[in-house]
C-alpha atoms as a PDB file:
ATOM      1  CA  UNK A   1      52.330 117.108  68.227  1.00  0.00           C
ATOM      2  CA  UNK A   2      49.885 116.198  70.981  1.00  0.00           C
ATOM      3  CA  UNK A   3      52.601 114.342  72.862  1.00  0.00           C
ATOM      4  CA  UNK A   4      54.852 117.403  72.600  1.00  0.00           C
ATOM      5  CA  UNK A   5      52.157 119.544  74.242  1.00  0.00           C
ATOM      6  CA  UNK A   6      51.695 117.014  77.038  1.00  0.00           C
ATOM      7  CA  UNK A   7      55.424 116.986  77.761  1.00  0.00           C
ATOM      8  CA  UNK A   8      55.686 120.777  77.600  1.00  0.00           C
ATOM      9  CA  UNK A   9      52.595 121.256  79.785  1.00  0.00           C
ATOM     10  CA  UNK A  10      53.913 118.711  82.280  1.00  0.00           C
ATOM     11  CA  UNK A  11      57.159 120.631  82.607  1.00  0.00           C
ATOM     12  CA  UNK A  12      55.258 123.910  82.896  1.00  0.00           C
ATOM     13  CA  UNK A  13      52.986 122.616  85.665  1.00  0.00           C
ATOM     14  CA  UNK A  14      55.973 121.131  87.479  1.00  0.00           C
ATOM     15  CA  UNK A  15      57.717 124.513  87.423  1.00  0.00           C
ATOM     16  CA  UNK A  16      54.546 126.232  88.662  1.00  0.00           C
ATOM     17  CA  UNK A  17      54.314 123.764  91.560  1.00  0.00           C
ATOM     18  CA  UNK A  18      51.186 121.941  90.401  1.00  0.00           C
ATOM     19  CA  UNK A  19      52.572 118.480  91.060  1.00  0.00           C
ATOM     20  CA  UNK A  20      49.207 116.655  91.040  1.00  0.00           C
ATOM     21  CA  UNK A  21      48.411 117.826  87.529  1.00  0.00           C
ATOM     22  CA  UNK A  22      51.977 117.146  86.458  1.00  0.00           C
ATOM     23  CA  UNK A  23      51.663 113.569  87.773  1.00  0.00           C
ATOM     24  CA  UNK A  24      48.425 113.164  85.820  1.00  0.00           C
ATOM     25  CA  UNK A  25      50.068 114.327  82.603  1.00  0.00           C
ATOM     26  CA  UNK A  26      52.980 111.957  83.237  1.00  0.00           C
ATOM     27  CA  UNK A  27      50.532 109.037  83.492  1.00  0.00           C
ATOM     28  CA  UNK A  28      48.869 110.160  80.254  1.00  0.00           C
ATOM     29  CA  UNK A  29      52.251 110.315  78.506  1.00  0.00           C
ATOM     30  CA  UNK A  30      53.159 106.832  79.739  1.00  0.00           C
ATOM     31  CA  UNK A  31      49.797 105.504  78.525  1.00  0.00           C
ATOM     32  CA  UNK A  32      50.582 106.589  74.934  1.00  0.00           C
ATOM     33  CA  UNK A  33      52.968 103.657  74.535  1.00  0.00           C
ATOM     34  CA  UNK A  34      50.104 101.253  75.321  1.00  0.00           C
ATOM     35  CA  UNK A  35      48.002 102.946  72.653  1.00  0.00           C
ATOM     36  CA  UNK A  36      50.865 102.662  70.147  1.00  0.00           C
ATOM     37  CA  UNK A  37      51.374  98.960  70.876  1.00  0.00           C
ATOM     38  CA  UNK A  38      47.617  98.360  70.577  1.00  0.00           C
ATOM     39  CA  UNK A  39      47.623 100.002  67.155  1.00  0.00           C
ATOM     40  CA  UNK A  40      50.516  97.752  66.125  1.00  0.00           C
ATOM     41  CA  UNK A  41      48.590  94.675  67.335  1.00  0.00           C
ATOM     42  CA  UNK A  42      45.578  95.777  65.281  1.00  0.00           C
ATOM     43  CA  UNK A  43      47.644  96.332  62.134  1.00  0.00           C
ATOM     44  CA  UNK A  44      49.427  92.993  62.581  1.00  0.00           C
ATOM     45  CA  UNK A  45      46.104  91.192  63.094  1.00  0.00           C
ATOM     46  CA  UNK A  46      44.660  92.779  59.942  1.00  0.00           C
ATOM     47  CA  UNK A  47      47.622  91.660  57.841  1.00  0.00           C
ATOM     48  CA  UNK A  48      47.616  88.212  59.431  1.00  0.00           C
ATOM     49  CA  UNK A  49      43.935  87.718  58.610  1.00  0.00           C
ATOM     50  CA  UNK A  50      44.405  88.849  55.022  1.00  0.00           C
ATOM     51  CA  UNK A  51      47.461  86.623  54.556  1.00  0.00           C
ATOM     52  CA  UNK A  52      45.835  83.617  56.229  1.00  0.00           C
ATOM     53  CA  UNK A  53      42.687  83.983  54.124  1.00  0.00           C
ATOM     54  CA  UNK A  54      44.722  83.909  50.928  1.00  0.00           C
ATOM     55  CA  UNK A  55      46.852  80.953  51.994  1.00  0.00           C
ATOM     56  CA  UNK A  56      44.324  78.921  53.978  1.00  0.00           C
ATOM     57  CA  UNK A  57      41.235  79.293  51.794  1.00  0.00           C
ATOM     58  CA  UNK A  58      43.264  79.158  48.581  1.00  0.00           C
ATOM     59  CA  UNK A  59      44.935  75.896  49.512  1.00  0.00           C
ATOM     60  CA  UNK A  60      41.676  74.338  50.694  1.00  0.00           C
ATOM     61  CA  UNK A  61      39.785  75.386  47.552  1.00  0.00           C
ATOM     62  CA  UNK A  62      42.563  73.989  45.372  1.00  0.00           C
ATOM     63  CA  UNK A  63      42.122  70.642  47.117  1.00  0.00           C
ATOM     64  CA  UNK A  64      38.344  70.838  46.515  1.00  0.00           C
ATOM     65  CA  UNK A  65      37.390  70.720  50.195  1.00  0.00           C
ATOM     66  CA  UNK A  66      33.746  71.728  50.410  1.00  0.00           C
ATOM     67  CA  UNK A  67      33.839  73.756  53.632  1.00  0.00           C
ATOM     68  CA  UNK A  68      36.902  75.847  52.821  1.00  0.00           C
ATOM     69  CA  UNK A  69      35.090  79.197  53.140  1.00  0.00           C
ATOM     70  CA  UNK A  70      33.629  78.179  56.503  1.00  0.00           C
ATOM     71  CA  UNK A  71      37.059  77.166  57.780  1.00  0.00           C
ATOM     72  CA  UNK A  72      38.480  80.467  56.566  1.00  0.00           C
ATOM     73  CA  UNK A  73      35.757  82.516  58.256  1.00  0.00           C
ATOM     74  CA  UNK A  74      36.208  80.587  61.503  1.00  0.00           C
ATOM     75  CA  UNK A  75      39.954  81.072  61.340  1.00  0.00           C
ATOM     76  CA  UNK A  76      39.675  84.817  60.728  1.00  0.00           C
ATOM     77  CA  UNK A  77      37.047  85.157  63.463  1.00  0.00           C
ATOM     78  CA  UNK A  78      39.319  83.446  65.956  1.00  0.00           C
ATOM     79  CA  UNK A  79      42.194  85.780  65.027  1.00  0.00           C
ATOM     80  CA  UNK A  80      39.913  88.813  65.470  1.00  0.00           C
ATOM     81  CA  UNK A  81      38.701  87.613  68.878  1.00  0.00           C
ATOM     82  CA  UNK A  82      42.200  86.902  70.164  1.00  0.00           C
ATOM     83  CA  UNK A  83      43.615  90.162  68.799  1.00  0.00           C
ATOM     84  CA  UNK A  84      40.730  92.146  70.333  1.00  0.00           C
ATOM     85  CA  UNK A  85      41.438  90.521  73.679  1.00  0.00           C
ATOM     86  CA  UNK A  86      45.149  91.337  73.307  1.00  0.00           C
ATOM     87  CA  UNK A  87      44.362  94.967  72.474  1.00  0.00           C
ATOM     88  CA  UNK A  88      42.026  95.361  75.444  1.00  0.00           C
ATOM     89  CA  UNK A  89      44.579  93.735  77.733  1.00  0.00           C
ATOM     90  CA  UNK A  90      47.320  96.038  76.426  1.00  0.00           C
ATOM     91  CA  UNK A  91      45.116  99.065  77.064  1.00  0.00           C
ATOM     92  CA  UNK A  92      44.590  97.764  80.624  1.00  0.00           C
ATOM     93  CA  UNK A  93      40.823  97.723  80.284  1.00  0.00           C
ATOM     94  CA  UNK A  94      39.696  95.279  82.999  1.00  0.00           C
ATOM     95  CA  UNK A  95      42.715  92.970  82.566  1.00  0.00           C
ATOM     96  CA  UNK A  96      41.397  90.309  84.965  1.00  0.00           C
ATOM     97  CA  UNK A  97      38.188  89.969  82.962  1.00  0.00           C
ATOM     98  CA  UNK A  98      40.129  89.873  79.692  1.00  0.00           C
ATOM     99  CA  UNK A  99      42.322  87.047  81.010  1.00  0.00           C
ATOM    100  CA  UNK A 100      39.228  85.126  82.127  1.00  0.00           C
ATOM    101  CA  UNK A 101      37.615  85.573  78.702  1.00  0.00           C
ATOM    102  CA  UNK A 102      40.870  84.519  76.998  1.00  0.00           C
ATOM    103  CA  UNK A 103      40.985  81.330  79.072  1.00  0.00           C
ATOM    104  CA  UNK A 104      37.326  80.732  78.188  1.00  0.00           C
ATOM    105  CA  UNK A 105      37.964  81.160  74.449  1.00  0.00           C
ATOM    106  CA  UNK A 106      40.918  78.770  74.561  1.00  0.00           C
ATOM    107  CA  UNK A 107      38.814  76.288  76.552  1.00  0.00           C
ATOM    108  CA  UNK A 108      36.017  76.490  73.981  1.00  0.00           C
ATOM    109  CA  UNK A 109      38.452  75.875  71.112  1.00  0.00           C
ATOM    110  CA  UNK A 110      39.959  72.880  72.910  1.00  0.00           C
ATOM    111  CA  UNK A 111      36.531  71.439  73.716  1.00  0.00           C
ATOM    112  CA  UNK A 112      35.286  71.853  70.147  1.00  0.00           C
ATOM    113  CA  UNK A 113      38.333  70.121  68.728  1.00  0.00           C
ATOM    114  CA  UNK A 114      38.210  67.432  71.417  1.00  0.00           C
ATOM    115  CA  UNK A 115      34.549  66.656  70.863  1.00  0.00           C
ATOM    116  CA  UNK A 116      34.792  66.709  67.080  1.00  0.00           C
ATOM    117  CA  UNK A 117      37.691  64.262  67.055  1.00  0.00           C
ATOM    118  CA  UNK A 118      36.582  62.396  70.163  1.00  0.00           C
ATOM    119  CA  UNK A 119      33.953  59.780  70.724  1.00  0.00           C
ATOM    120  CA  UNK A 120      30.961  61.851  69.565  1.00  0.00           C
ATOM    121  CA  UNK A 121      32.267  62.507  66.063  1.00  0.00           C
ATOM    122  CA  UNK A 122      34.661  59.632  65.560  1.00  0.00           C
ATOM    123  CA  UNK A 123      33.097  58.381  62.341  1.00  0.00           C
ATOM    124  CA  UNK A 124      32.665  61.805  60.802  1.00  0.00           C
ATOM    125  CA  UNK A 125      36.152  62.895  61.816  1.00  0.00           C
ATOM    126  CA  UNK A 126      37.618  59.674  60.428  1.00  0.00           C
ATOM    127  CA  UNK A 127      35.811  60.204  57.112  1.00  0.00           C
ATOM    128  CA  UNK A 128      36.925  63.854  57.002  1.00  0.00           C
ATOM    129  CA  UNK A 129      40.567  62.968  57.700  1.00  0.00           C
ATOM    130  CA  UNK A 130      40.512  60.226  55.049  1.00  0.00           C
ATOM    131  CA  UNK A 131      39.072  62.706  52.543  1.00  0.00           C
ATOM    132  CA  UNK A 132      41.863  65.173  53.269  1.00  0.00           C
ATOM    133  CA  UNK A 133      44.486  62.413  53.123  1.00  0.00           C
ATOM    134  CA  UNK A 134      43.240  61.215  49.722  1.00  0.00           C
ATOM    135  CA  UNK A 135      43.236  64.721  48.291  1.00  0.00           C
ATOM    136  CA  UNK A 136      46.751  65.403  49.543  1.00  0.00           C
ATOM    137  CA  UNK A 137      48.159  62.278  47.864  1.00  0.00           C
END
């Protein structure tokens, strides 16, 4: 209904010769598709988090891994952060800053995984991987 009024008002202002206001309404109408896509991203992220919590935490609890809830919370938090960045980028809210933050988040994830399985946590990571391997057999 709101979109109908914007289109009708845009045509009315174009007929009356108010082209600046008509151009503004045209930009507003074109921005609605970004809002719609952002809503779809939010809905998809919500379903993905719910589904991943059921699958991820359920499978880890079945295998009796002690930190399954922590892994699940970290996984859902990472999905929320990435989906929030995607929504803000889709809405064109400071896209350069959003891309920089996205690169930073990916860099942090890579560094955390690299350090945990690298030289600093080699023994702990080896023990953790052996524990998972034994439970999966």
